[in-house]
Amino acid sequence: MSVDIIEYAQSILKSEAQSIEKLIPRIDEQFINIIELILTIKGRVICTGMGKPGYIAHKLAATLMSTGTPSIYLHPAEAIHGDLGMVTPQDVVIAISNSGETAEILNILPVINKIGAPLIAICGNNQSTLAKQSKYYLDAAVDSESCPFNLAPTNSTTAQLALGDTLAITLMKMKGFTSQDFAFYHPGGNLGSVRLLTLNKLLEQTHRNPIITKERPLSEALFIMTDAGIGAISVVDDKQHLLGIITDGDIRRSLKCNVDFFSKTVNDVMTINPTAIHESQLVLSALNFMQNHQPSPITVLPVINHENVVTGMIHITDIFKLSR
């Protein structure tokens, strides 16, 4: 019994995944035209749909808004009772319908076309009324629903959702919308509070700034690193200007070379002119920098002020802990 349930559930996921895979070759010049259109409009993207596709349209509007494209959801049943007043010639309307014959959608098409707002259809039937009356058409057709009766919208709404996400994220890329921009529009959530945090504020929470001067014994550096629990130490001059860094990897490599560890000074092992980051930078900038560092990612990073004075050191786990 349990095996049958697992196999059946897996078959549903495979069916929906295949519906998305079949969308890939359909991304063509039509898609480019839609992106270019939305990039040039002065108004908003108005998303509409009825029933299950309506939820997809609502989600698309929300995704567009949060990724830099002004958008709003229009309920088609409310539209014919006055809400069509929100549509202007400067807007673009995206209508989502699997059949392309949804009555509530068809009822508002004449007014949308008269207003002059370009219409984009995300639809499963290229011969439908909606597809034929639209300026642009994205093919969201599926072979069947994963519902055993081929009735409940499943594969079709998955395809619509995927196409909507593809539109939104492509627009995000073309607009040059950054992760900082994303955080700016999410200030109330944990994402925004973490990603708008600057490194000097993070250091106020960690209170970590392991430093040592270059003439000190290497063994002393090891003790300070151990106490800090961060696996690295900044090397500074007498005014705490950053000169270098020692990581636990540096020490391991020294031991591997059979050097006389206790006779060495910090200067013998440190890496000079290390990578550092300014304390005014966002936590997200530090995370991106550490993860994308070449030739390999780094886990620790000295933090400096505008005078190159070391104000602390961050570990990548400090950032991960913030998002919990």
C-alpha atoms as a PDB file:
ATOM      1  CA  MET A   1       0.000   0.000   0.000  1.00  0.00           C
ATOM      2  CA  SER A   2       2.686   2.514   1.040  1.00  0.00           C
ATOM      3  CA  VAL A   3       4.764   1.580  -2.025  1.00  0.00           C
ATOM      4  CA  ASP A   4       1.795   2.263  -4.287  1.00  0.00           C
ATOM      5  CA  ILE A   5       1.305   5.696  -2.702  1.00  0.00           C
ATOM      6  CA  ILE A   6       4.948   6.620  -3.156  1.00  0.00           C
ATOM      7  CA  GLU A   7       5.035   5.459  -6.768  1.00  0.00           C
ATOM      8  CA  TYR A   8       1.821   7.307  -7.586  1.00  0.00           C
ATOM      9  CA  ALA A   9       3.037  10.520  -5.931  1.00  0.00           C
ATOM     10  CA  GLN A  10       6.317  10.282  -7.808  1.00  0.00           C
ATOM     11  CA  SER A  11       4.464   9.835 -11.087  1.00  0.00           C
ATOM     12  CA  ILE A  12       2.611  13.089 -10.453  1.00  0.00           C
ATOM     13  CA  LEU A  13       5.828  14.990  -9.865  1.00  0.00           C
ATOM     14  CA  LYS A  14       7.346  13.492 -13.004  1.00  0.00           C
ATOM     15  CA  SER A  15       4.282  14.485 -14.999  1.00  0.00           C
ATOM     16  CA  GLU A  16       4.437  18.085 -13.774  1.00  0.00           C
ATOM     17  CA  ALA A  17       8.199  18.247 -14.325  1.00  0.00           C
ATOM     18  CA  GLN A  18       7.747  17.050 -17.892  1.00  0.00           C
ATOM     19  CA  SER A  19       5.162  19.785 -18.449  1.00  0.00           C
ATOM     20  CA  ILE A  20       7.777  22.373 -17.512  1.00  0.00           C
ATOM     21  CA  GLU A  21      10.487  20.754 -19.622  1.00  0.00           C
ATOM     22  CA  LYS A  22       8.255  20.988 -22.683  1.00  0.00           C
ATOM     23  CA  LEU A  23       8.073  24.762 -22.218  1.00  0.00           C
ATOM     24  CA  ILE A  24      11.799  25.229 -22.788  1.00  0.00           C
ATOM     25  CA  PRO A  25      11.837  25.093 -26.623  1.00  0.00           C
ATOM     26  CA  ARG A  26       8.839  27.443 -26.708  1.00  0.00           C
ATOM     27  CA  ILE A  27      10.914  30.348 -25.406  1.00  0.00           C
ATOM     28  CA  ASP A  28      11.512  32.164 -28.683  1.00  0.00           C
ATOM     29  CA  GLU A  29      11.254  35.564 -30.399  1.00  0.00           C
ATOM     30  CA  GLN A  30       7.753  35.969 -28.997  1.00  0.00           C
ATOM     31  CA  PHE A  31       9.210  35.880 -25.493  1.00  0.00           C
ATOM     32  CA  ILE A  32      11.855  38.453 -26.445  1.00  0.00           C
ATOM     33  CA  ASN A  33       9.154  40.763 -27.800  1.00  0.00           C
ATOM     34  CA  ILE A  34       7.217  40.493 -24.551  1.00  0.00           C
ATOM     35  CA  ILE A  35      10.285  41.307 -22.450  1.00  0.00           C
ATOM     36  CA  GLU A  36      11.133  44.296 -24.645  1.00  0.00           C
ATOM     37  CA  LEU A  37       7.543  45.517 -24.459  1.00  0.00           C
ATOM     38  CA  ILE A  38       7.363  45.376 -20.673  1.00  0.00           C
ATOM     39  CA  LEU A  39      10.762  47.060 -20.349  1.00  0.00           C
ATOM     40  CA  THR A  40       9.503  50.064 -22.312  1.00  0.00           C
ATOM     41  CA  ILE A  41       6.054  50.640 -20.801  1.00  0.00           C
ATOM     42  CA  LYS A  42       5.436  53.644 -18.559  1.00  0.00           C
ATOM     43  CA  GLY A  43       2.654  51.975 -16.604  1.00  0.00           C
ATOM     44  CA  ARG A  44       2.231  48.655 -14.840  1.00  0.00           C
ATOM     45  CA  VAL A  45       1.841  45.008 -15.685  1.00  0.00           C
ATOM     46  CA  ILE A  46      -1.755  44.077 -14.861  1.00  0.00           C
ATOM     47  CA  CYS A  47      -2.213  40.346 -14.304  1.00  0.00           C
ATOM     48  CA  THR A  48      -5.588  38.687 -14.497  1.00  0.00           C
ATOM     49  CA  GLY A  49      -7.018  35.197 -14.365  1.00  0.00           C
ATOM     50  CA  MET A  50     -10.027  33.326 -13.005  1.00  0.00           C
ATOM     51  CA  GLY A  51     -10.134  30.331 -10.670  1.00  0.00           C
ATOM     52  CA  LYS A  52      -6.858  28.444 -10.295  1.00  0.00           C
ATOM     53  CA  PRO A  53      -5.129  30.497 -13.036  1.00  0.00           C
ATOM     54  CA  GLY A  54      -6.268  33.528 -11.058  1.00  0.00           C
ATOM     55  CA  TYR A  55      -4.076  32.426  -8.170  1.00  0.00           C
ATOM     56  CA  ILE A  56      -1.193  32.082 -10.623  1.00  0.00           C
ATOM     57  CA  ALA A  57      -1.873  35.593 -11.937  1.00  0.00           C
ATOM     58  CA  HIS A  58      -1.953  36.919  -8.381  1.00  0.00           C
ATOM     59  CA  LYS A  59       1.381  35.264  -7.656  1.00  0.00           C
ATOM     60  CA  LEU A  60       2.883  36.618 -10.887  1.00  0.00           C
ATOM     61  CA  ALA A  61       1.855  40.154  -9.952  1.00  0.00           C
ATOM     62  CA  ALA A  62       3.433  39.745  -6.526  1.00  0.00           C
ATOM     63  CA  THR A  63       6.663  38.357  -7.997  1.00  0.00           C
ATOM     64  CA  LEU A  64       6.879  41.159 -10.537  1.00  0.00           C
ATOM     65  CA  MET A  65       6.366  43.798  -7.859  1.00  0.00           C
ATOM     66  CA  SER A  66       9.057  42.385  -5.603  1.00  0.00           C
ATOM     67  CA  THR A  67      11.579  42.135  -8.431  1.00  0.00           C
ATOM     68  CA  GLY A  68      11.337  45.659  -9.788  1.00  0.00           C
ATOM     69  CA  THR A  69       8.416  45.578 -12.240  1.00  0.00           C
ATOM     70  CA  PRO A  70       5.348  47.563 -11.081  1.00  0.00           C
ATOM     71  CA  SER A  71       2.377  45.237 -11.235  1.00  0.00           C
ATOM     72  CA  ILE A  72      -1.085  44.615  -9.853  1.00  0.00           C
ATOM     73  CA  TYR A  73      -3.655  41.822  -9.907  1.00  0.00           C
ATOM     74  CA  LEU A  74      -7.030  42.461 -11.538  1.00  0.00           C
ATOM     75  CA  HIS A  75      -9.875  40.086 -10.698  1.00  0.00           C
ATOM     76  CA  PRO A  76     -11.780  39.616 -13.984  1.00  0.00           C
ATOM     77  CA  ALA A  77     -15.174  39.284 -12.299  1.00  0.00           C
ATOM     78  CA  GLU A  78     -14.626  42.558 -10.426  1.00  0.00           C
ATOM     79  CA  ALA A  79     -13.211  44.167 -13.555  1.00  0.00           C
ATOM     80  CA  ILE A  80     -16.567  44.296 -15.329  1.00  0.00           C
ATOM     81  CA  HIS A  81     -18.038  46.054 -12.299  1.00  0.00           C
ATOM     82  CA  GLY A  82     -15.662  48.991 -12.373  1.00  0.00           C
ATOM     83  CA  ASP A  83     -12.160  47.736 -11.685  1.00  0.00           C
ATOM     84  CA  LEU A  84     -11.291  48.043 -15.384  1.00  0.00           C
ATOM     85  CA  GLY A  85     -10.803  51.696 -14.516  1.00  0.00           C
ATOM     86  CA  MET A  86      -7.323  50.796 -13.287  1.00  0.00           C
ATOM     87  CA  VAL A  87      -6.205  49.878 -16.806  1.00  0.00           C
ATOM     88  CA  THR A  88      -4.539  52.623 -18.863  1.00  0.00           C
ATOM     89  CA  PRO A  89      -2.946  52.711 -22.331  1.00  0.00           C
ATOM     90  CA  GLN A  90       0.464  52.835 -20.611  1.00  0.00           C
ATOM     91  CA  ASP A  91      -0.131  49.422 -19.016  1.00  0.00           C
ATOM     92  CA  VAL A  92       0.317  45.873 -20.251  1.00  0.00           C
ATOM     93  CA  VAL A  93      -2.246  43.188 -19.385  1.00  0.00           C
ATOM     94  CA  ILE A  94      -1.254  39.556 -18.902  1.00  0.00           C
ATOM     95  CA  ALA A  95      -4.262  37.223 -18.991  1.00  0.00           C
ATOM     96  CA  ILE A  96      -3.858  33.628 -17.858  1.00  0.00           C
ATOM     97  CA  SER A  97      -6.283  30.906 -18.916  1.00  0.00           C
ATOM     98  CA  ASN A  98      -5.723  27.292 -19.864  1.00  0.00           C
ATOM     99  CA  SER A  99      -8.645  27.028 -22.266  1.00  0.00           C
ATOM    100  CA  GLY A 100      -8.480  30.597 -23.491  1.00  0.00           C
ATOM    101  CA  GLU A 101     -12.275  30.637 -23.357  1.00  0.00           C
ATOM    102  CA  THR A 102     -12.856  31.638 -19.727  1.00  0.00           C
ATOM    103  CA  ALA A 103     -16.003  33.750 -19.816  1.00  0.00           C
ATOM    104  CA  GLU A 104     -14.892  36.299 -17.235  1.00  0.00           C
ATOM    105  CA  ILE A 105     -11.679  36.912 -19.190  1.00  0.00           C
ATOM    106  CA  LEU A 106     -13.423  37.172 -22.564  1.00  0.00           C
ATOM    107  CA  ASN A 107     -15.890  39.701 -21.148  1.00  0.00           C
ATOM    108  CA  ILE A 108     -13.154  42.219 -20.427  1.00  0.00           C
ATOM    109  CA  LEU A 109     -11.133  41.810 -23.636  1.00  0.00           C
ATOM    110  CA  PRO A 110     -13.119  44.341 -25.724  1.00  0.00           C
ATOM    111  CA  VAL A 111     -12.628  47.055 -23.116  1.00  0.00           C
ATOM    112  CA  ILE A 112      -8.908  46.284 -22.686  1.00  0.00           C
ATOM    113  CA  ASN A 113      -8.415  46.452 -26.450  1.00  0.00           C
ATOM    114  CA  LYS A 114     -10.385  49.699 -26.649  1.00  0.00           C
ATOM    115  CA  ILE A 115      -8.279  51.219 -23.866  1.00  0.00           C
ATOM    116  CA  GLY A 116      -5.211  50.304 -25.900  1.00  0.00           C
ATOM    117  CA  ALA A 117      -3.261  48.327 -23.311  1.00  0.00           C
ATOM    118  CA  PRO A 118      -1.282  45.574 -25.089  1.00  0.00           C
ATOM    119  CA  LEU A 119      -2.572  42.126 -24.153  1.00  0.00           C
ATOM    120  CA  ILE A 120      -0.352  39.127 -23.460  1.00  0.00           C
ATOM    121  CA  ALA A 121      -1.926  35.681 -23.145  1.00  0.00           C
ATOM    122  CA  ILE A 122      -0.474  32.814 -21.146  1.00  0.00           C
ATOM    123  CA  CYS A 123      -2.705  30.117 -22.492  1.00  0.00           C
ATOM    124  CA  GLY A 124      -2.937  26.442 -23.316  1.00  0.00           C
ATOM    125  CA  ASN A 125      -4.832  26.809 -26.595  1.00  0.00           C
ATOM    126  CA  ASN A 126      -3.329  28.852 -29.415  1.00  0.00           C
ATOM    127  CA  GLN A 127      -6.608  28.692 -31.353  1.00  0.00           C
ATOM    128  CA  SER A 128      -8.681  30.139 -28.514  1.00  0.00           C
ATOM    129  CA  THR A 129     -10.412  33.500 -28.451  1.00  0.00           C
ATOM    130  CA  LEU A 130      -7.954  34.809 -25.869  1.00  0.00           C
ATOM    131  CA  ALA A 131      -4.910  33.774 -27.914  1.00  0.00           C
ATOM    132  CA  LYS A 132      -6.285  35.287 -31.123  1.00  0.00           C
ATOM    133  CA  GLN A 133      -7.184  38.608 -29.491  1.00  0.00           C
ATOM    134  CA  SER A 134      -3.826  39.003 -27.783  1.00  0.00           C
ATOM    135  CA  LYS A 135      -0.861  40.936 -29.118  1.00  0.00           C
ATOM    136  CA  TYR A 136       1.491  38.272 -27.783  1.00  0.00           C
ATOM    137  CA  TYR A 137       0.963  34.662 -26.816  1.00  0.00           C
ATOM    138  CA  LEU A 138       2.955  32.370 -24.519  1.00  0.00           C
ATOM    139  CA  ASP A 139       2.168  28.721 -25.130  1.00  0.00           C
ATOM    140  CA  ALA A 140       1.401  27.005 -21.807  1.00  0.00           C
ATOM    141  CA  ALA A 141      -0.225  23.938 -23.339  1.00  0.00           C
ATOM    142  CA  VAL A 142       0.169  20.610 -21.545  1.00  0.00           C
ATOM    143  CA  ASP A 143      -0.586  17.103 -22.740  1.00  0.00           C
ATOM    144  CA  SER A 144      -2.901  16.455 -19.818  1.00  0.00           C
ATOM    145  CA  GLU A 145      -3.433  17.213 -16.163  1.00  0.00           C
ATOM    146  CA  SER A 146      -1.954  14.894 -13.567  1.00  0.00           C
ATOM    147  CA  CYS A 147      -5.440  14.578 -12.129  1.00  0.00           C
ATOM    148  CA  PRO A 148      -6.662  11.035 -12.968  1.00  0.00           C
ATOM    149  CA  PHE A 149      -9.829  12.521 -14.472  1.00  0.00           C
ATOM    150  CA  ASN A 150      -7.865  15.173 -16.402  1.00  0.00           C
ATOM    151  CA  LEU A 151      -9.997  17.819 -14.707  1.00  0.00           C
ATOM    152  CA  ALA A 152      -8.273  19.467 -11.749  1.00  0.00           C
ATOM    153  CA  PRO A 153      -5.800  22.158 -12.928  1.00  0.00           C
ATOM    154  CA  THR A 154      -2.390  20.746 -12.019  1.00  0.00           C
ATOM    155  CA  ASN A 155       0.062  20.451 -14.886  1.00  0.00           C
ATOM    156  CA  SER A 156      -1.524  23.446 -16.585  1.00  0.00           C
ATOM    157  CA  THR A 157      -1.160  25.742 -13.566  1.00  0.00           C
ATOM    158  CA  THR A 158       2.384  24.478 -13.005  1.00  0.00           C
ATOM    159  CA  ALA A 159       3.243  25.465 -16.578  1.00  0.00           C
ATOM    160  CA  GLN A 160       1.598  28.868 -16.131  1.00  0.00           C
ATOM    161  CA  LEU A 161       3.489  29.420 -12.898  1.00  0.00           C
ATOM    162  CA  ALA A 162       6.804  28.499 -14.512  1.00  0.00           C
ATOM    163  CA  LEU A 163       6.252  30.826 -17.461  1.00  0.00           C
ATOM    164  CA  GLY A 164       5.280  33.642 -15.117  1.00  0.00           C
ATOM    165  CA  ASP A 165       8.401  33.142 -13.034  1.00  0.00           C
ATOM    166  CA  THR A 166      10.488  33.058 -16.209  1.00  0.00           C
ATOM    167  CA  LEU A 167       9.028  36.393 -17.281  1.00  0.00           C
ATOM    168  CA  ALA A 168       9.543  38.035 -13.903  1.00  0.00           C
ATOM    169  CA  ILE A 169      13.104  36.869 -13.341  1.00  0.00           C
ATOM    170  CA  THR A 170      14.162  37.660 -16.919  1.00  0.00           C
ATOM    171  CA  LEU A 171      12.800  41.186 -16.451  1.00  0.00           C
ATOM    172  CA  MET A 172      14.652  41.374 -13.145  1.00  0.00           C
ATOM    173  CA  LYS A 173      17.890  40.468 -14.927  1.00  0.00           C
ATOM    174  CA  MET A 174      17.335  42.884 -17.811  1.00  0.00           C
ATOM    175  CA  LYS A 175      16.577  45.754 -15.407  1.00  0.00           C
ATOM    176  CA  GLY A 176      19.779  45.132 -13.493  1.00  0.00           C
ATOM    177  CA  PHE A 177      17.742  44.624 -10.328  1.00  0.00           C
ATOM    178  CA  THR A 178      20.182  43.762  -7.525  1.00  0.00           C
ATOM    179  CA  SER A 179      19.936  41.732  -4.352  1.00  0.00           C
ATOM    180  CA  GLN A 180      20.164  44.997  -2.441  1.00  0.00           C
ATOM    181  CA  ASP A 181      17.140  46.256  -4.379  1.00  0.00           C
ATOM    182  CA  PHE A 182      15.338  43.042  -3.486  1.00  0.00           C
ATOM    183  CA  ALA A 183      16.095  43.543   0.198  1.00  0.00           C
ATOM    184  CA  PHE A 184      14.958  47.181  -0.045  1.00  0.00           C
ATOM    185  CA  TYR A 185      11.478  46.080  -1.095  1.00  0.00           C
ATOM    186  CA  HIS A 186      11.347  43.476   1.714  1.00  0.00           C
ATOM    187  CA  PRO A 187      12.246  45.579   4.778  1.00  0.00           C
ATOM    188  CA  GLY A 188       9.569  44.093   7.003  1.00  0.00           C
ATOM    189  CA  GLY A 189      10.658  40.486   6.725  1.00  0.00           C
ATOM    190  CA  ASN A 190      13.658  38.625   8.002  1.00  0.00           C
ATOM    191  CA  LEU A 191      15.167  38.728   4.527  1.00  0.00           C
ATOM    192  CA  GLY A 192      15.165  42.507   4.463  1.00  0.00           C
ATOM    193  CA  SER A 193      16.331  43.002   8.032  1.00  0.00           C
ATOM    194  CA  VAL A 194      19.288  40.707   7.434  1.00  0.00           C
ATOM    195  CA  ARG A 195      20.267  41.876   3.997  1.00  0.00           C
ATOM    196  CA  LEU A 196      19.985  45.587   4.754  1.00  0.00           C
ATOM    197  CA  LEU A 197      22.254  45.128   7.761  1.00  0.00           C
ATOM    198  CA  THR A 198      25.685  46.684   7.403  1.00  0.00           C
ATOM    199  CA  LEU A 199      28.879  44.996   8.551  1.00  0.00           C
ATOM    200  CA  ASN A 200      29.555  47.493  11.327  1.00  0.00           C
ATOM    201  CA  LYS A 201      26.169  46.574  12.815  1.00  0.00           C
ATOM    202  CA  LEU A 202      26.993  42.888  12.494  1.00  0.00           C
ATOM    203  CA  LEU A 203      30.283  43.447  14.314  1.00  0.00           C
ATOM    204  CA  GLU A 204      28.394  45.083  17.153  1.00  0.00           C
ATOM    205  CA  GLN A 205      26.662  41.735  17.617  1.00  0.00           C
ATOM    206  CA  THR A 206      29.693  39.448  17.262  1.00  0.00           C
ATOM    207  CA  HIS A 207      32.235  41.580  19.189  1.00  0.00           C
ATOM    208  CA  ARG A 208      35.031  39.753  17.373  1.00  0.00           C
ATOM    209  CA  ASN A 209      38.291  41.360  16.291  1.00  0.00           C
ATOM    210  CA  PRO A 210      41.292  39.013  16.642  1.00  0.00           C
ATOM    211  CA  ILE A 211      44.449  41.010  15.840  1.00  0.00           C
ATOM    212  CA  ILE A 212      48.198  40.649  16.301  1.00  0.00           C
ATOM    213  CA  THR A 213      51.309  42.499  15.206  1.00  0.00           C
ATOM    214  CA  LYS A 214      53.708  40.927  12.761  1.00  0.00           C
ATOM    215  CA  GLU A 215      56.678  40.579  15.133  1.00  0.00           C
ATOM    216  CA  ARG A 216      54.784  38.444  17.667  1.00  0.00           C
ATOM    217  CA  PRO A 217      55.386  34.665  17.915  1.00  0.00           C
ATOM    218  CA  LEU A 218      53.271  32.505  15.640  1.00  0.00           C
ATOM    219  CA  SER A 219      52.244  30.440  18.667  1.00  0.00           C
ATOM    220  CA  GLU A 220      50.622  33.533  20.182  1.00  0.00           C
ATOM    221  CA  ALA A 221      48.601  34.034  17.021  1.00  0.00           C
ATOM    222  CA  LEU A 222      47.359  30.477  17.315  1.00  0.00           C
ATOM    223  CA  PHE A 223      46.162  31.074  20.889  1.00  0.00           C
ATOM    224  CA  ILE A 224      44.294  34.247  19.888  1.00  0.00           C
ATOM    225  CA  MET A 225      42.699  32.493  16.922  1.00  0.00           C
ATOM    226  CA  THR A 226      41.577  29.662  19.180  1.00  0.00           C
ATOM    227  CA  ASP A 227      40.025  32.068  21.685  1.00  0.00           C
ATOM    228  CA  ALA A 228      38.196  33.925  18.909  1.00  0.00           C
ATOM    229  CA  GLY A 229      36.892  30.665  17.424  1.00  0.00           C
ATOM    230  CA  ILE A 230      37.009  32.022  13.919  1.00  0.00           C
ATOM    231  CA  GLY A 231      40.022  30.290  12.370  1.00  0.00           C
ATOM    232  CA  ALA A 232      41.842  33.469  11.352  1.00  0.00           C
ATOM    233  CA  ILE A 233      43.552  36.557  12.719  1.00  0.00           C
ATOM    234  CA  SER A 234      44.290  39.976  11.240  1.00  0.00           C
ATOM    235  CA  VAL A 235      47.874  41.192  11.274  1.00  0.00           C
ATOM    236  CA  VAL A 236      48.140  44.910  12.040  1.00  0.00           C
ATOM    237  CA  ASP A 237      50.695  47.612  12.705  1.00  0.00           C
ATOM    238  CA  ASP A 238      50.836  49.626  15.916  1.00  0.00           C
ATOM    239  CA  LYS A 239      47.954  51.804  14.671  1.00  0.00           C
ATOM    240  CA  GLN A 240      45.872  48.725  13.814  1.00  0.00           C
ATOM    241  CA  HIS A 241      46.158  49.247  10.078  1.00  0.00           C
ATOM    242  CA  LEU A 242      45.679  45.990   8.204  1.00  0.00           C
ATOM    243  CA  LEU A 243      48.933  44.423   7.004  1.00  0.00           C
ATOM    244  CA  GLY A 244      48.076  40.761   6.542  1.00  0.00           C
ATOM    245  CA  ILE A 245      46.126  37.744   7.661  1.00  0.00           C
ATOM    246  CA  ILE A 246      46.827  34.287   9.046  1.00  0.00           C
ATOM    247  CA  THR A 247      44.278  31.502   8.714  1.00  0.00           C
ATOM    248  CA  ASP A 248      44.233  28.053  10.215  1.00  0.00           C
ATOM    249  CA  GLY A 249      45.022  26.826   6.708  1.00  0.00           C
ATOM    250  CA  ASP A 250      48.257  28.828   6.742  1.00  0.00           C
ATOM    251  CA  ILE A 251      49.248  27.176  10.010  1.00  0.00           C
ATOM    252  CA  ARG A 252      48.407  23.689   8.760  1.00  0.00           C
ATOM    253  CA  ARG A 253      50.505  24.245   5.660  1.00  0.00           C
ATOM    254  CA  SER A 254      53.405  25.432   7.828  1.00  0.00           C
ATOM    255  CA  LEU A 255      53.207  22.319   9.965  1.00  0.00           C
ATOM    256  CA  LYS A 256      53.025  20.149   6.875  1.00  0.00           C
ATOM    257  CA  CYS A 257      56.301  21.676   5.698  1.00  0.00           C
ATOM    258  CA  ASN A 258      57.907  20.633   9.005  1.00  0.00           C
ATOM    259  CA  VAL A 259      58.856  24.181   9.958  1.00  0.00           C
ATOM    260  CA  ASP A 260      59.928  24.908  13.521  1.00  0.00           C
ATOM    261  CA  PHE A 261      56.547  26.263  14.521  1.00  0.00           C
ATOM    262  CA  PHE A 262      57.608  27.753  17.845  1.00  0.00           C
ATOM    263  CA  SER A 263      60.520  29.654  16.333  1.00  0.00           C
ATOM    264  CA  LYS A 264      58.404  31.395  13.723  1.00  0.00           C
ATOM    265  CA  THR A 265      56.914  34.855  13.966  1.00  0.00           C
ATOM    266  CA  VAL A 266      53.648  36.061  12.514  1.00  0.00           C
ATOM    267  CA  ASN A 267      55.589  37.800   9.748  1.00  0.00           C
ATOM    268  CA  ASP A 268      56.998  34.457   8.560  1.00  0.00           C
ATOM    269  CA  VAL A 269      53.598  32.968   7.817  1.00  0.00           C
ATOM    270  CA  MET A 270      51.125  35.787   7.190  1.00  0.00           C
ATOM    271  CA  THR A 271      49.606  36.569   3.804  1.00  0.00           C
ATOM    272  CA  ILE A 272      50.295  40.220   3.027  1.00  0.00           C
ATOM    273  CA  ASN A 273      47.780  42.628   1.470  1.00  0.00           C
ATOM    274  CA  PRO A 274      44.828  40.381   2.253  1.00  0.00           C
ATOM    275  CA  THR A 275      41.341  40.766   0.897  1.00  0.00           C
ATOM    276  CA  ALA A 276      39.191  42.908   3.187  1.00  0.00           C
ATOM    277  CA  ILE A 277      35.821  44.627   3.109  1.00  0.00           C
ATOM    278  CA  HIS A 278      34.663  48.023   4.321  1.00  0.00           C
ATOM    279  CA  GLU A 279      32.469  48.143   7.391  1.00  0.00           C
ATOM    280  CA  SER A 280      29.839  50.238   5.587  1.00  0.00           C
ATOM    281  CA  GLN A 281      29.106  47.421   3.122  1.00  0.00           C
ATOM    282  CA  LEU A 282      25.947  45.371   3.399  1.00  0.00           C
ATOM    283  CA  VAL A 283      26.071  41.908   4.930  1.00  0.00           C
ATOM    284  CA  LEU A 284      24.721  40.574   1.642  1.00  0.00           C
ATOM    285  CA  SER A 285      27.609  42.139  -0.262  1.00  0.00           C
ATOM    286  CA  ALA A 286      30.041  40.371   2.033  1.00  0.00           C
ATOM    287  CA  LEU A 287      28.253  37.057   1.561  1.00  0.00           C
ATOM    288  CA  ASN A 288      28.259  37.384  -2.228  1.00  0.00           C
ATOM    289  CA  PHE A 289      31.913  38.372  -2.199  1.00  0.00           C
ATOM    290  CA  MET A 290      32.951  35.452  -0.016  1.00  0.00           C
ATOM    291  CA  GLN A 291      30.981  32.883  -1.983  1.00  0.00           C
ATOM    292  CA  ASN A 292      32.165  34.148  -5.381  1.00  0.00           C
ATOM    293  CA  HIS A 293      35.777  34.785  -4.431  1.00  0.00           C
ATOM    294  CA  GLN A 294      38.311  33.448  -6.910  1.00  0.00           C
ATOM    295  CA  PRO A 295      40.084  31.112  -7.243  1.00  0.00           C
ATOM    296  CA  SER A 296      38.002  29.652  -4.408  1.00  0.00           C
ATOM    297  CA  PRO A 297      35.393  30.833  -1.871  1.00  0.00           C
ATOM    298  CA  ILE A 298      36.590  32.199   1.454  1.00  0.00           C
ATOM    299  CA  THR A 299      35.034  31.833   4.894  1.00  0.00           C
ATOM    300  CA  VAL A 300      36.657  34.688   6.843  1.00  0.00           C
ATOM    301  CA  LEU A 301      37.057  38.332   5.968  1.00  0.00           C
ATOM    302  CA  PRO A 302      38.733  41.227   7.823  1.00  0.00           C
ATOM    303  CA  VAL A 303      36.564  44.322   8.114  1.00  0.00           C
ATOM    304  CA  ILE A 304      38.179  47.761   7.870  1.00  0.00           C
ATOM    305  CA  ASN A 305      37.124  51.403   8.070  1.00  0.00           C
ATOM    306  CA  HIS A 306      38.001  54.228   5.673  1.00  0.00           C
ATOM    307  CA  GLU A 307      41.435  54.576   7.305  1.00  0.00           C
ATOM    308  CA  ASN A 308      42.291  50.881   6.743  1.00  0.00           C
ATOM    309  CA  VAL A 309      41.972  50.259  10.475  1.00  0.00           C
ATOM    310  CA  VAL A 310      40.745  46.773  11.277  1.00  0.00           C
ATOM    311  CA  THR A 311      37.406  46.984  13.075  1.00  0.00           C
ATOM    312  CA  GLY A 312      36.620  43.288  13.169  1.00  0.00           C
ATOM    313  CA  MET A 313      36.506  40.006  11.337  1.00  0.00           C
ATOM    314  CA  ILE A 314      33.478  38.116  10.072  1.00  0.00           C
ATOM    315  CA  HIS A 315      32.981  34.440   9.407  1.00  0.00           C
ATOM    316  CA  ILE A 316      30.505  33.297   6.793  1.00  0.00           C
ATOM    317  CA  THR A 317      28.560  31.434   9.483  1.00  0.00           C
ATOM    318  CA  ASP A 318      27.909  34.773  11.213  1.00  0.00           C
ATOM    319  CA  ILE A 319      25.764  35.700   8.228  1.00  0.00           C
ATOM    320  CA  PHE A 320      24.018  32.345   8.031  1.00  0.00           C
ATOM    321  CA  LYS A 321      23.079  32.596  11.702  1.00  0.00           C
ATOM    322  CA  LEU A 322      21.365  35.931  11.068  1.00  0.00           C
ATOM    323  CA  SER A 323      18.904  34.394   8.628  1.00  0.00           C
ATOM    324  CA  ARG A 324      17.686  31.702  10.983  1.00  0.00           C
END
